[in-house]
Amino acid sequence: MRTGLRIHWLSLSEESFVRNEAVAIHFADYRKLTADHAAIIGLNSGSTTFSFFANHELKAAPNMKLGPTRAKEVLQNLRMTAPNPLAVLDDYINSKVDDFYRFIPEDLQQATNQVILIGATPLNNYFIPEGDTSYTLSISRFRQFTHEVTAASDQYLMEHLKVSKESIGLVLPEVLLIQKLLAVVHAEQVHLVNLNVLDGLTTNRAIASGYHKKYDFSQQILGSALAIAQRYRVEPHHMKLVEKFALHLFDQLKSLHHLKARDRLLLQIAAILHDSGCFIDTHQHYLHSDYVLRQSEILGLSTEEIQIIAAVSRYHSARTPVSELAHFRQLGASKRLAIAKLAAILRLADSLDDAHQQTVERISVSVRPTQVIITAFSDDDLALVHWAFSRKAEFFTDVFGLQPVFKQRRLHK
């Protein structure tokens, strides 16, 4: 209040994303390691973030609600209640990691990984030479280090790991957690990288200012969304066609919506995930999609952006934001308007494959003074598509003031 500073709270997914950016740009071996299978593991105080890569593409980015601080709290409690607290802590960590890891895609569970480890302060202090930012560690050397730490006194740890007396209680829980993480991801080697969230934020700012143009980190965000779609068994053919139509409509209607490139990305993610609620029940699936997405973490997106995507998915079908204004109380007027515009576009895109039969191959868009003409190219009977389009076009008219008109053109006359 006194300084007038405005605080932006980073979500865990944003924090993980900017650290990934820093690693990609400042760690020399990044491209080589992610060419096959690699995992970036980031340790936070109360959580652990994962980014799994294969063939330079992000395949999944889950977050686990277990970090060094939580493990330390458990150990402190066990020392007062358990005869062998370290063994019980090790079992606790194993159970939590195994429960979490079973939701990782099966092909990733079986893959061996080169591991890029961020935020492992005890290992960084011990292994990374002064003036360097990285060090490659073999699994056998890590096991030796773990044995040394387990048997060492607090004084030894303070001297050799360069940690304060206040932080010494974190060392053992953190090392045991890392030991389990390396085992579960089938680590071949560990690459310690001494980059933190501040490095990530400065790198992110540099990218936003036009530097590092050869990198397209939005693909990591989309990769994270596709991993969620796979987890909730979203039908891929319908998803890809709705995504294609939604982006085409967005690009052709720029003169109407005046939205930004970031809004286009949010629409693309909503198109990918709008049917995720069908995993729970096809009846009123749009409500389930809203709930699923609000509880999900998508790499690189803020909490507010997740809320926007969830709302757009909620209103892609039958309901409208007009009738549920209470749902938007936490969002400002500009965000609510963006949701309405994106939902109106997604509705039209979804209606063009309402039967999930991919009967429309492509579309063209023409903006007239009072109408938006959308021509669907298809040789099939589009009676159902036409009906769904007419029903879902009403909200588009409410938002933009123009009447969408559906036309069909045959591909082969």
Protein backbone atom coordinates (compact mmCIF):
# COMPACT_ATOMS: atom_id res chain seq x y z
CA MET A 1 0.00 0.00 0.00
CA ARG A 2 2.80 2.44 0.93
CA THR A 3 5.03 1.80 -2.07
CA GLY A 4 2.35 1.42 -4.71
CA LEU A 5 4.04 -1.74 -5.96
CA ARG A 6 1.78 -4.22 -7.74
CA ILE A 7 2.38 -7.87 -6.97
CA HIS A 8 1.87 -10.61 -9.55
CA TRP A 9 1.66 -14.05 -7.96
CA LEU A 10 3.31 -16.76 -10.05
CA SER A 11 1.47 -20.04 -10.29
CA LEU A 12 3.55 -23.19 -9.91
CA SER A 13 3.08 -23.83 -13.64
CA GLU A 14 4.36 -20.34 -14.51
CA GLU A 15 7.38 -20.83 -12.26
CA SER A 16 8.17 -24.15 -13.90
CA PHE A 17 7.75 -22.62 -17.36
CA VAL A 18 10.13 -19.68 -16.86
CA ARG A 19 12.74 -21.99 -15.36
CA ASN A 20 12.40 -24.20 -18.44
CA GLU A 21 13.03 -21.13 -20.58
CA ALA A 22 16.19 -20.32 -18.62
CA VAL A 23 17.45 -23.90 -18.94
CA ALA A 24 16.76 -23.99 -22.70
CA ILE A 25 18.71 -20.79 -23.34
CA HIS A 26 21.49 -20.89 -20.73
CA PHE A 27 22.29 -24.62 -20.40
CA ALA A 28 24.51 -25.62 -23.31
CA ASP A 29 23.50 -29.31 -23.38
CA TYR A 30 19.73 -28.69 -23.42
CA ARG A 31 19.17 -29.40 -27.14
CA LYS A 32 21.32 -32.51 -27.08
CA LEU A 33 19.62 -33.96 -24.00
CA THR A 34 16.03 -33.30 -25.10
CA ALA A 35 16.67 -34.91 -28.51
CA ASP A 36 15.88 -38.31 -26.98
CA HIS A 37 14.25 -38.61 -23.55
CA ALA A 38 14.91 -36.03 -20.85
CA ALA A 39 13.18 -34.81 -17.70
CA ILE A 40 13.59 -31.39 -16.12
CA ILE A 41 12.86 -31.79 -12.41
CA GLY A 42 12.47 -28.62 -10.35
CA LEU A 43 12.47 -28.67 -6.56
CA ASN A 44 10.40 -26.03 -4.77
CA SER A 45 9.89 -25.76 -1.03
CA GLY A 46 6.57 -27.61 -0.96
CA SER A 47 6.33 -29.18 -4.42
CA THR A 48 8.21 -30.77 -7.30
CA THR A 49 7.69 -29.93 -10.97
CA PHE A 50 8.36 -32.23 -13.92
CA SER A 51 8.78 -31.54 -17.64
CA PHE A 52 9.19 -34.65 -19.79
CA PHE A 53 10.71 -34.26 -23.26
CA ALA A 54 11.11 -36.60 -26.24
CA ASN A 55 12.39 -35.60 -29.69
CA HIS A 56 12.67 -31.96 -28.54
CA GLU A 57 8.93 -31.85 -27.73
CA LEU A 58 7.33 -31.51 -24.29
CA LYS A 59 5.20 -34.59 -23.63
CA ALA A 60 3.90 -33.91 -20.10
CA ALA A 61 4.39 -31.37 -17.32
CA PRO A 62 2.77 -32.60 -14.08
CA ASN A 63 3.37 -31.11 -10.63
CA MET A 64 3.60 -33.09 -7.41
CA LYS A 65 2.59 -31.61 -4.05
CA LEU A 66 5.66 -32.91 -2.26
CA GLY A 67 8.89 -30.98 -1.84
CA PRO A 68 11.85 -30.78 0.56
CA THR A 69 10.04 -28.62 3.13
CA ARG A 70 7.09 -31.01 3.36
CA ALA A 71 9.47 -33.96 3.67
CA LYS A 72 11.34 -32.12 6.45
CA GLU A 73 8.09 -31.53 8.37
CA VAL A 74 7.26 -35.24 8.13
CA LEU A 75 10.73 -36.20 9.39
CA GLN A 76 10.45 -33.84 12.36
CA ASN A 77 7.16 -35.46 13.32
CA LEU A 78 8.53 -38.98 12.85
CA ARG A 79 11.50 -38.31 15.11
CA MET A 80 9.04 -37.83 17.95
CA THR A 81 6.85 -40.83 17.14
CA ALA A 82 8.76 -43.50 15.15
CA PRO A 83 11.64 -45.75 16.33
CA ASN A 84 13.33 -45.54 12.86
CA PRO A 85 12.31 -42.16 11.42
CA LEU A 86 14.57 -42.22 8.33
CA ALA A 87 13.22 -45.59 7.17
CA VAL A 88 9.63 -44.42 7.67
CA LEU A 89 10.35 -41.15 5.83
CA ASP A 90 11.84 -43.12 2.94
CA ASP A 91 8.68 -45.27 2.79
CA TYR A 92 6.51 -42.13 2.95
CA ILE A 93 8.38 -40.51 0.04
CA ASN A 94 8.22 -43.74 -1.98
CA SER A 95 4.46 -44.08 -1.53
CA LYS A 96 3.72 -40.44 -2.42
CA VAL A 97 5.93 -40.47 -5.52
CA ASP A 98 4.57 -43.83 -6.71
CA ASP A 99 0.95 -42.67 -6.26
CA PHE A 100 1.72 -39.54 -8.26
CA TYR A 101 3.75 -41.23 -10.97
CA ARG A 102 1.09 -43.76 -11.98
CA PHE A 103 -0.83 -40.92 -13.65
CA ILE A 104 2.09 -40.21 -15.99
CA PRO A 105 1.53 -41.54 -19.55
CA GLU A 106 2.62 -45.18 -19.68
CA ASP A 107 5.23 -44.69 -22.40
CA LEU A 108 6.94 -42.04 -20.26
CA GLN A 109 6.87 -44.28 -17.19
CA GLN A 110 8.98 -46.87 -19.00
CA ALA A 111 11.49 -44.49 -20.62
CA THR A 112 14.99 -43.85 -19.27
CA ASN A 113 15.82 -40.16 -18.95
CA GLN A 114 18.65 -37.74 -18.85
CA VAL A 115 17.67 -35.65 -15.82
CA ILE A 116 18.18 -31.89 -15.56
CA LEU A 117 17.82 -31.11 -11.86
CA ILE A 118 17.03 -27.56 -10.73
CA GLY A 119 16.86 -26.24 -7.17
CA ALA A 120 18.88 -29.01 -5.51
CA THR A 121 20.87 -26.68 -3.24
CA PRO A 122 22.89 -29.32 -1.31
CA LEU A 123 24.07 -31.00 -4.52
CA ASN A 124 24.72 -27.70 -6.28
CA ASN A 125 26.85 -26.42 -3.39
CA TYR A 126 28.84 -29.64 -3.19
CA PHE A 127 29.42 -30.48 -6.87
CA ILE A 128 29.17 -27.36 -9.06
CA PRO A 129 32.57 -25.59 -9.23
CA GLU A 130 32.63 -21.92 -8.27
CA GLY A 131 31.90 -19.76 -11.27
CA ASP A 132 30.08 -22.54 -13.18
CA THR A 133 26.32 -23.08 -13.45
CA SER A 134 26.17 -26.81 -14.16
CA TYR A 135 27.75 -30.18 -13.40
CA THR A 136 27.07 -33.70 -14.71
CA LEU A 137 26.78 -36.39 -12.05
CA SER A 138 26.72 -40.16 -12.56
CA ILE A 139 24.11 -42.22 -10.73
CA SER A 140 26.81 -44.18 -8.91
CA ARG A 141 28.40 -40.94 -7.67
CA PHE A 142 25.01 -39.71 -6.49
CA ARG A 143 24.46 -42.93 -4.52
CA GLN A 144 27.86 -42.47 -2.91
CA PHE A 145 26.94 -38.89 -2.01
CA THR A 146 23.63 -40.08 -0.50
CA HIS A 147 25.48 -42.60 1.66
CA GLU A 148 27.87 -39.90 2.86
CA VAL A 149 25.06 -37.50 3.74
CA THR A 150 23.04 -40.14 5.59
CA ALA A 151 25.97 -40.97 7.88
CA ALA A 152 27.33 -37.41 8.31
CA SER A 153 27.05 -35.08 11.29
CA ASP A 154 25.40 -31.66 11.06
CA GLN A 155 28.80 -29.97 11.40
CA TYR A 156 30.20 -31.97 8.47
CA LEU A 157 27.19 -31.07 6.31
CA MET A 158 27.45 -27.37 7.13
CA GLU A 159 31.12 -27.31 6.19
CA HIS A 160 31.00 -29.41 3.03
CA LEU A 161 27.57 -28.49 1.63
CA LYS A 162 27.82 -24.80 2.57
CA VAL A 163 24.39 -24.66 4.15
CA SER A 164 23.39 -22.65 7.21
CA LYS A 165 22.51 -24.15 10.56
CA GLU A 166 18.87 -23.18 9.97
CA SER A 167 18.79 -25.08 6.66
CA ILE A 168 20.59 -28.23 7.77
CA GLY A 169 17.31 -29.99 8.55
CA LEU A 170 16.34 -29.84 4.85
CA VAL A 171 19.40 -31.68 3.54
CA LEU A 172 18.54 -35.28 4.39
CA PRO A 173 14.83 -35.12 3.38
CA GLU A 174 15.82 -33.40 0.12
CA VAL A 175 18.47 -35.99 -0.73
CA LEU A 176 16.07 -38.88 0.01
CA LEU A 177 13.42 -37.24 -2.19
CA ILE A 178 15.91 -36.78 -5.05
CA GLN A 179 17.00 -40.40 -4.68
CA LYS A 180 13.43 -41.59 -5.23
CA LEU A 181 12.81 -39.17 -8.09
CA LEU A 182 15.90 -40.35 -9.97
CA ALA A 183 14.83 -43.95 -9.50
CA VAL A 184 11.26 -43.46 -10.69
CA VAL A 185 12.28 -41.59 -13.89
CA HIS A 186 14.98 -44.22 -14.65
CA ALA A 187 17.72 -41.58 -14.66
CA GLU A 188 20.82 -42.33 -16.72
CA GLN A 189 22.70 -39.23 -15.57
CA VAL A 190 21.97 -36.15 -13.48
CA HIS A 191 22.79 -32.70 -14.81
CA LEU A 192 22.81 -30.21 -11.95
CA VAL A 193 21.86 -26.73 -13.18
CA ASN A 194 22.13 -23.78 -10.83
CA LEU A 195 19.36 -21.63 -12.33
CA ASN A 196 16.45 -20.34 -10.25
CA VAL A 197 13.14 -18.63 -10.81
CA LEU A 198 14.80 -15.19 -10.94
CA ASP A 199 16.95 -16.40 -13.84
CA GLY A 200 13.74 -17.65 -15.42
CA LEU A 201 11.95 -14.33 -15.00
CA THR A 202 14.81 -12.32 -16.52
CA THR A 203 15.00 -14.79 -19.42
CA ASN A 204 11.22 -14.54 -19.89
CA ARG A 205 11.46 -10.75 -19.95
CA ALA A 206 14.25 -10.91 -22.54
CA ILE A 207 12.11 -13.18 -24.75
CA ALA A 208 9.13 -10.81 -24.42
CA SER A 209 11.41 -7.94 -25.49
CA GLY A 210 12.31 -9.68 -28.74
CA TYR A 211 15.48 -11.55 -27.90
CA HIS A 212 15.91 -15.30 -28.54
CA LYS A 213 13.45 -15.27 -31.44
CA LYS A 214 14.49 -18.73 -32.64
CA TYR A 215 12.79 -20.31 -29.60
CA ASP A 216 9.03 -20.94 -29.59
CA PHE A 217 8.15 -21.80 -26.01
CA SER A 218 4.40 -21.71 -26.69
CA GLN A 219 4.84 -25.26 -28.01
CA GLN A 220 5.65 -26.36 -24.45
CA ILE A 221 2.35 -24.86 -23.26
CA LEU A 222 0.46 -26.69 -26.01
CA GLY A 223 2.35 -29.90 -25.22
CA SER A 224 1.19 -29.65 -21.62
CA ALA A 225 -2.43 -29.13 -22.76
CA LEU A 226 -2.23 -32.12 -25.12
CA ALA A 227 -0.94 -34.29 -22.26
CA ILE A 228 -4.03 -33.35 -20.22
CA ALA A 229 -6.26 -34.13 -23.22
CA GLN A 230 -4.63 -37.54 -23.47
CA ARG A 231 -5.11 -38.17 -19.75
CA TYR A 232 -8.84 -37.42 -20.01
CA ARG A 233 -9.18 -39.36 -23.28
CA VAL A 234 -10.38 -36.45 -25.40
CA GLU A 235 -11.35 -37.77 -28.85
CA PRO A 236 -8.39 -36.64 -31.00
CA HIS A 237 -10.03 -36.22 -34.44
CA HIS A 238 -12.81 -33.95 -33.17
CA MET A 239 -10.32 -32.06 -31.02
CA LYS A 240 -7.97 -31.33 -33.95
CA LEU A 241 -10.77 -30.24 -36.26
CA VAL A 242 -12.35 -27.89 -33.67
CA GLU A 243 -8.87 -26.48 -32.95
CA LYS A 244 -8.32 -25.90 -36.68
CA PHE A 245 -11.71 -24.19 -37.19
CA ALA A 246 -11.43 -22.09 -33.99
CA LEU A 247 -8.03 -20.68 -34.99
CA HIS A 248 -9.22 -19.99 -38.54
CA LEU A 249 -12.24 -18.10 -37.21
CA PHE A 250 -10.08 -16.15 -34.76
CA ASP A 251 -7.66 -15.10 -37.51
CA GLN A 252 -10.40 -14.11 -39.97
CA LEU A 253 -12.42 -12.17 -37.38
CA LYS A 254 -9.65 -9.93 -36.01
CA SER A 255 -11.54 -6.83 -37.16
CA LEU A 256 -14.41 -7.87 -34.87
CA HIS A 257 -12.80 -9.22 -31.69
CA HIS A 258 -9.62 -7.06 -31.34
CA LEU A 259 -8.06 -9.74 -29.13
CA LYS A 260 -4.34 -10.39 -28.68
CA ALA A 261 -2.00 -13.23 -29.61
CA ARG A 262 -2.15 -14.54 -26.03
CA ASP A 263 -5.95 -14.79 -26.34
CA ARG A 264 -5.45 -16.87 -29.49
CA LEU A 265 -3.29 -19.28 -27.50
CA LEU A 266 -5.95 -19.52 -24.77
CA LEU A 267 -8.60 -20.26 -27.44
CA GLN A 268 -6.38 -22.97 -28.89
CA ILE A 269 -5.98 -24.63 -25.48
CA ALA A 270 -9.73 -24.36 -24.82
CA ALA A 271 -10.36 -26.04 -28.19
CA ILE A 272 -7.99 -28.86 -27.24
CA LEU A 273 -9.57 -29.38 -23.80
CA HIS A 274 -13.21 -28.34 -24.20
CA ASP A 275 -14.43 -31.97 -24.12
CA SER A 276 -12.23 -33.13 -21.22
CA GLY A 277 -15.36 -33.36 -19.03
CA CYS A 278 -16.64 -36.27 -21.14
CA PHE A 279 -14.21 -38.40 -19.13
CA ILE A 280 -16.61 -37.97 -16.19
CA ASP A 281 -19.94 -37.99 -18.03
CA THR A 282 -21.13 -36.94 -21.48
CA HIS A 283 -24.28 -35.48 -19.93
CA GLN A 284 -23.56 -31.80 -19.24
CA HIS A 285 -19.92 -32.52 -20.02
CA TYR A 286 -19.21 -28.80 -20.36
CA LEU A 287 -19.78 -28.39 -16.59
CA HIS A 288 -17.36 -31.24 -15.90
CA SER A 289 -14.84 -29.67 -18.30
CA ASP A 290 -15.02 -26.47 -16.28
CA TYR A 291 -14.31 -28.34 -13.05
CA VAL A 292 -11.52 -30.51 -14.52
CA LEU A 293 -9.69 -27.53 -15.98
CA ARG A 294 -9.98 -25.42 -12.86
CA GLN A 295 -8.25 -28.22 -10.96
CA SER A 296 -5.58 -28.72 -13.63
CA GLU A 297 -2.18 -27.09 -14.01
CA ILE A 298 -1.06 -26.21 -17.54
CA LEU A 299 2.59 -25.33 -17.95
CA GLY A 300 3.13 -21.59 -18.41
CA LEU A 301 -0.40 -20.42 -17.60
CA SER A 302 -1.42 -18.25 -14.67
CA THR A 303 -4.29 -19.11 -12.35
CA GLU A 304 -6.39 -16.44 -14.06
CA GLU A 305 -5.67 -17.85 -17.51
CA ILE A 306 -6.70 -21.31 -16.31
CA GLN A 307 -9.98 -19.78 -15.11
CA ILE A 308 -10.51 -18.18 -18.53
CA ILE A 309 -9.92 -21.46 -20.38
CA ALA A 310 -12.22 -23.30 -17.97
CA ALA A 311 -14.97 -20.70 -18.49
CA VAL A 312 -14.64 -20.77 -22.29
CA SER A 313 -14.93 -24.57 -22.16
CA ARG A 314 -17.95 -24.29 -19.86
CA TYR A 315 -19.79 -22.08 -22.34
CA HIS A 316 -18.84 -23.85 -25.58
CA SER A 317 -22.13 -25.78 -25.51
CA ALA A 318 -25.53 -24.83 -24.12
CA ARG A 319 -25.07 -22.28 -21.36
CA THR A 320 -24.12 -18.62 -21.73
CA PRO A 321 -22.12 -16.28 -19.48
CA VAL A 322 -25.04 -13.84 -19.53
CA SER A 323 -27.13 -16.14 -17.35
CA GLU A 324 -24.29 -16.90 -14.91
CA LEU A 325 -22.59 -13.61 -14.13
CA ALA A 326 -21.87 -14.77 -10.58
CA HIS A 327 -19.39 -17.21 -12.09
CA PHE A 328 -17.18 -14.26 -13.13
CA ARG A 329 -17.05 -12.18 -9.96
CA GLN A 330 -13.34 -12.85 -9.50
CA LEU A 331 -12.53 -11.58 -13.03
CA GLY A 332 -12.44 -8.00 -14.32
CA ALA A 333 -14.72 -6.64 -17.05
CA SER A 334 -12.09 -6.96 -19.80
CA LYS A 335 -11.49 -10.64 -18.95
CA ARG A 336 -15.22 -11.37 -18.90
CA LEU A 337 -15.57 -9.78 -22.33
CA ALA A 338 -12.65 -11.86 -23.63
CA ILE A 339 -14.32 -15.02 -22.29
CA ALA A 340 -17.57 -14.14 -24.09
CA LYS A 341 -15.74 -13.52 -27.38
CA LEU A 342 -13.65 -16.68 -27.18
CA ALA A 343 -16.65 -18.80 -26.15
CA ALA A 344 -18.69 -17.43 -29.07
CA ILE A 345 -15.92 -18.38 -31.52
CA LEU A 346 -15.42 -21.82 -29.96
CA ARG A 347 -19.18 -22.49 -30.17
CA LEU A 348 -19.19 -21.94 -33.92
CA ALA A 349 -16.09 -24.10 -34.36
CA ASP A 350 -17.58 -26.90 -32.27
CA SER A 351 -20.90 -26.79 -34.15
CA LEU A 352 -19.08 -27.48 -37.43
CA ASP A 353 -18.26 -30.96 -36.13
CA ASP A 354 -21.23 -31.42 -33.83
CA ALA A 355 -21.66 -35.10 -34.74
CA HIS A 356 -17.93 -35.81 -34.30
CA GLN A 357 -17.88 -37.26 -37.82
CA GLN A 358 -15.43 -34.79 -39.47
CA THR A 359 -17.84 -34.22 -42.37
CA VAL A 360 -16.57 -30.66 -42.97
CA GLU A 361 -13.10 -30.59 -44.50
CA ARG A 362 -12.43 -26.86 -44.36
CA ILE A 363 -14.19 -23.51 -44.05
CA SER A 364 -13.96 -19.98 -45.40
CA VAL A 365 -15.06 -16.81 -43.60
CA SER A 366 -16.40 -13.58 -45.07
CA VAL A 367 -17.36 -10.56 -42.92
CA ARG A 368 -20.26 -8.43 -44.21
CA PRO A 369 -21.81 -5.30 -42.66
CA THR A 370 -24.50 -7.26 -40.79
CA GLN A 371 -23.45 -10.88 -41.29
CA VAL A 372 -20.55 -13.30 -41.05
CA ILE A 373 -20.74 -15.83 -43.87
CA ILE A 374 -19.16 -19.18 -42.98
CA THR A 375 -18.88 -21.57 -45.90
CA ALA A 376 -18.33 -25.25 -45.13
CA PHE A 377 -16.69 -27.39 -47.83
CA SER A 378 -18.13 -30.89 -47.82
CA ASP A 379 -19.82 -33.46 -50.06
CA ASP A 380 -21.83 -34.93 -47.16
CA ASP A 381 -25.30 -34.15 -45.88
CA LEU A 382 -24.74 -31.35 -43.33
CA ALA A 383 -28.31 -31.11 -41.98
CA LEU A 384 -27.18 -31.81 -38.39
CA VAL A 385 -24.25 -29.41 -38.68
CA HIS A 386 -26.56 -26.71 -40.04
CA TRP A 387 -29.00 -27.21 -37.16
CA ALA A 388 -26.23 -27.13 -34.53
CA PHE A 389 -24.71 -24.05 -36.17
CA SER A 390 -28.01 -22.17 -36.09
CA ARG A 391 -28.51 -23.01 -32.41
CA LYS A 392 -25.00 -22.05 -31.31
CA ALA A 393 -24.78 -18.94 -33.52
CA GLU A 394 -27.25 -17.01 -31.35
CA PHE A 395 -24.64 -16.27 -28.71
CA PHE A 396 -22.21 -15.05 -31.39
CA THR A 397 -24.82 -12.49 -32.46
CA ASP A 398 -25.30 -11.38 -28.85
CA VAL A 399 -21.55 -10.81 -28.45
CA PHE A 400 -20.56 -9.31 -31.81
CA GLY A 401 -23.84 -7.92 -33.17
CA LEU A 402 -23.48 -9.78 -36.48
CA GLN A 403 -25.51 -12.77 -37.65
CA PRO A 404 -23.48 -15.86 -38.61
CA VAL A 405 -24.82 -17.45 -41.82
CA PHE A 406 -24.03 -21.05 -42.72
CA LYS A 407 -23.46 -22.06 -46.33
CA GLN A 408 -22.29 -25.31 -47.89
CA ARG A 409 -20.11 -25.75 -50.95
CA ARG A 410 -19.54 -29.11 -52.56
CA LEU A 411 -15.97 -30.24 -53.03
CA HIS A 412 -16.84 -32.28 -56.14
CA LYS A 413 -19.68 -30.85 -58.20
